[in-house]
Amino acid sequence: MELYESNNWKVVFVDWCQEFVGNCIISSKKESLSDLTEDEWQELGRLEKELERVSKKLFNATMFNFACLMNNAYRDNEKPHVHFHFIPRYKNELKIFNKIYKDRHFGYNFWKWSLSKIKCQKDIFSQEEKAKIFELMKNEFTILV
């Protein structure tokens, strides 16, 4: 589900898993960070800032993880591309859709428990609820490039 697209970047709402409410991926067609131009870096900064603003306003996010992880492309024999994971984090519980969302591992690296079926953060939202979260973000998201 696409929140934004320009010639340089695409922001995709992670509708397949919202274990962190507002989780998005910001991707480029460039293969390496060193390929990014100054304008692309500046646009990336504006996108990250806008995602923070939206997540704070809509969901009262406390802080954010912002990570660039390139390993999977090489492991999976795919063409690598620069992409960042934008992960809002929540110190306090969030009540949304009559559910209580709790960031179980607030203050820790978001990947630390991702491979453990017992300890991993659970995605508690239905596809319909994820679509509603996306619509909330899409309606709030504004950026001038």
Protein backbone atom coordinates (compact mmCIF):
# COMPACT_ATOMS: atom_id res chain seq x y z
CA MET A 1 0.00 0.00 0.00
CA GLU A 2 1.72 3.11 -1.25
CA LEU A 3 1.80 6.29 0.83
CA TYR A 4 4.08 8.27 -1.47
CA GLU A 5 6.13 8.03 -4.65
CA SER A 6 8.54 10.38 -6.40
CA ASN A 7 11.31 9.88 -8.94
CA ASN A 8 13.66 9.04 -6.06
CA TRP A 9 11.67 7.31 -3.32
CA LYS A 10 8.63 5.19 -2.63
CA VAL A 11 7.03 4.93 0.81
CA VAL A 12 5.14 1.68 1.31
CA PHE A 13 2.89 0.98 4.28
CA VAL A 14 3.71 -2.48 5.64
CA ASP A 15 0.21 -3.96 5.31
CA TRP A 16 1.49 -7.53 5.58
CA CYS A 17 2.52 -6.96 9.20
CA GLN A 18 1.83 -4.05 11.56
CA GLU A 19 3.64 -5.40 14.59
CA PHE A 20 4.73 -1.77 15.07
CA VAL A 21 1.82 0.56 14.28
CA GLY A 22 2.76 2.84 11.36
CA ASN A 23 5.59 0.61 10.11
CA CYS A 24 6.67 1.65 6.58
CA ILE A 25 9.47 0.98 4.10
CA ILE A 26 11.13 3.83 2.22
CA SER A 27 12.81 2.44 -0.90
CA SER A 28 14.97 3.66 -3.75
CA LYS A 29 16.01 2.06 -7.02
CA LYS A 30 19.66 2.78 -6.20
CA GLU A 31 21.81 -0.23 -5.32
CA SER A 32 24.08 1.38 -2.73
CA LEU A 33 23.92 4.20 -0.20
CA SER A 34 26.94 5.74 -1.90
CA ASP A 35 24.87 6.06 -5.11
CA LEU A 36 22.42 8.49 -3.49
CA THR A 37 22.67 12.13 -4.52
CA GLU A 38 22.49 15.08 -2.14
CA ASP A 39 18.93 15.78 -3.32
CA GLU A 40 17.94 12.17 -2.63
CA TRP A 41 19.39 12.36 0.88
CA GLN A 42 17.50 15.61 1.52
CA GLU A 43 14.22 14.13 0.26
CA LEU A 44 14.79 11.06 2.44
CA GLY A 45 15.20 13.36 5.45
CA ARG A 46 11.92 15.13 4.64
CA LEU A 47 10.13 11.78 4.26
CA GLU A 48 11.43 10.47 7.57
CA LYS A 49 10.46 13.70 9.30
CA GLU A 50 6.95 13.56 7.85
CA LEU A 51 6.50 9.91 8.87
CA GLU A 52 7.53 10.86 12.41
CA ARG A 53 5.05 13.75 12.45
CA VAL A 54 2.21 11.56 11.20
CA SER A 55 2.98 8.73 13.65
CA LYS A 56 3.18 11.12 16.60
CA LYS A 57 -0.05 12.90 15.67
CA LEU A 58 -2.14 9.82 14.87
CA PHE A 59 -0.75 7.22 17.26
CA ASN A 60 1.29 9.13 19.86
CA ALA A 61 4.49 7.28 18.94
CA THR A 62 7.30 7.86 21.44
CA MET A 63 10.40 7.31 19.29
CA PHE A 64 11.45 5.74 15.99
CA ASN A 65 13.81 3.12 14.66
CA PHE A 66 15.14 3.91 11.20
CA ALA A 67 17.27 1.16 9.69
CA CYS A 68 18.91 0.36 6.38
CA LEU A 69 19.44 -3.38 6.01
CA MET A 70 20.89 -4.66 2.75
CA ASN A 71 21.75 -8.28 3.56
CA ASN A 72 18.67 -10.12 2.28
CA ALA A 73 19.21 -9.18 -1.35
CA TYR A 74 22.61 -10.84 -1.38
CA ARG A 75 21.43 -13.85 0.58
CA ASP A 76 18.39 -14.31 -1.68
CA ASN A 77 20.27 -13.65 -4.94
CA GLU A 78 18.16 -10.58 -5.70
CA LYS A 79 19.29 -7.25 -7.09
CA PRO A 80 20.05 -5.09 -4.04
CA HIS A 81 18.32 -1.75 -3.57
CA VAL A 82 18.56 0.88 -0.88
CA HIS A 83 15.63 0.76 1.50
CA PHE A 84 14.98 1.93 5.01
CA HIS A 85 12.64 0.47 7.60
CA PHE A 86 10.69 3.15 9.47
CA ILE A 87 9.48 1.66 12.76
CA PRO A 88 7.52 3.79 15.24
CA ARG A 89 7.96 2.68 18.86
CA TYR A 90 5.54 3.11 21.74
CA LYS A 91 6.33 3.54 25.42
CA ASN A 92 2.63 3.70 26.30
CA GLU A 93 -0.20 1.46 25.27
CA LEU A 94 -2.22 2.57 22.25
CA LYS A 95 -5.96 2.01 22.12
CA ILE A 96 -7.09 1.61 18.51
CA PHE A 97 -10.11 -0.21 17.03
CA ASN A 98 -11.16 -1.28 20.54
CA LYS A 99 -7.86 -3.10 20.92
CA ILE A 100 -4.93 -2.37 23.17
CA TYR A 101 -1.63 -2.31 21.32
CA LYS A 102 1.49 -2.70 23.46
CA ASP A 103 5.05 -2.42 22.17
CA ARG A 104 6.33 -5.38 24.19
CA HIS A 105 10.00 -4.65 23.65
CA PHE A 106 10.01 -0.84 23.79
CA GLY A 107 13.53 0.48 24.20
CA TYR A 108 15.19 -2.51 22.51
CA ASN A 109 16.30 -3.19 18.96
CA PHE A 110 13.22 -4.09 16.93
CA TRP A 111 14.95 -7.14 15.34
CA LYS A 112 16.14 -8.67 18.61
CA TRP A 113 13.12 -10.97 19.03
CA SER A 114 11.85 -11.07 15.45
CA LEU A 115 12.95 -14.65 14.80
CA SER A 116 11.56 -16.06 18.04
CA LYS A 117 7.96 -17.22 17.71
CA ILE A 118 7.63 -17.07 21.48
CA LYS A 119 9.18 -13.66 22.13
CA CYS A 120 8.36 -11.78 18.89
CA GLN A 121 6.00 -8.82 18.78
CA LYS A 122 2.57 -9.96 17.56
CA ASP A 123 0.58 -8.30 14.79
CA ILE A 124 -2.88 -7.94 16.35
CA PHE A 125 -4.64 -6.25 13.42
CA SER A 126 -6.96 -7.69 10.79
CA GLN A 127 -6.46 -6.78 7.12
CA GLU A 128 -9.43 -4.42 7.41
CA GLU A 129 -7.86 -2.69 10.42
CA LYS A 130 -4.51 -2.41 8.61
CA ALA A 131 -6.34 -0.78 5.69
CA LYS A 132 -7.87 1.72 8.15
CA ILE A 133 -4.44 2.51 9.66
CA PHE A 134 -3.13 3.06 6.12
CA GLU A 135 -6.04 5.39 5.28
CA LEU A 136 -5.44 7.40 8.45
CA MET A 137 -1.78 7.80 7.51
CA LYS A 138 -2.49 8.50 3.83
CA ASN A 139 -4.99 11.23 4.72
CA GLU A 140 -2.52 12.88 7.12
CA PHE A 141 0.65 12.46 5.01
CA THR A 142 1.70 15.63 3.18
CA ILE A 143 5.10 16.41 1.76
CA LEU A 144 6.38 18.94 -0.71
CA VAL A 145 9.42 17.85 -2.68
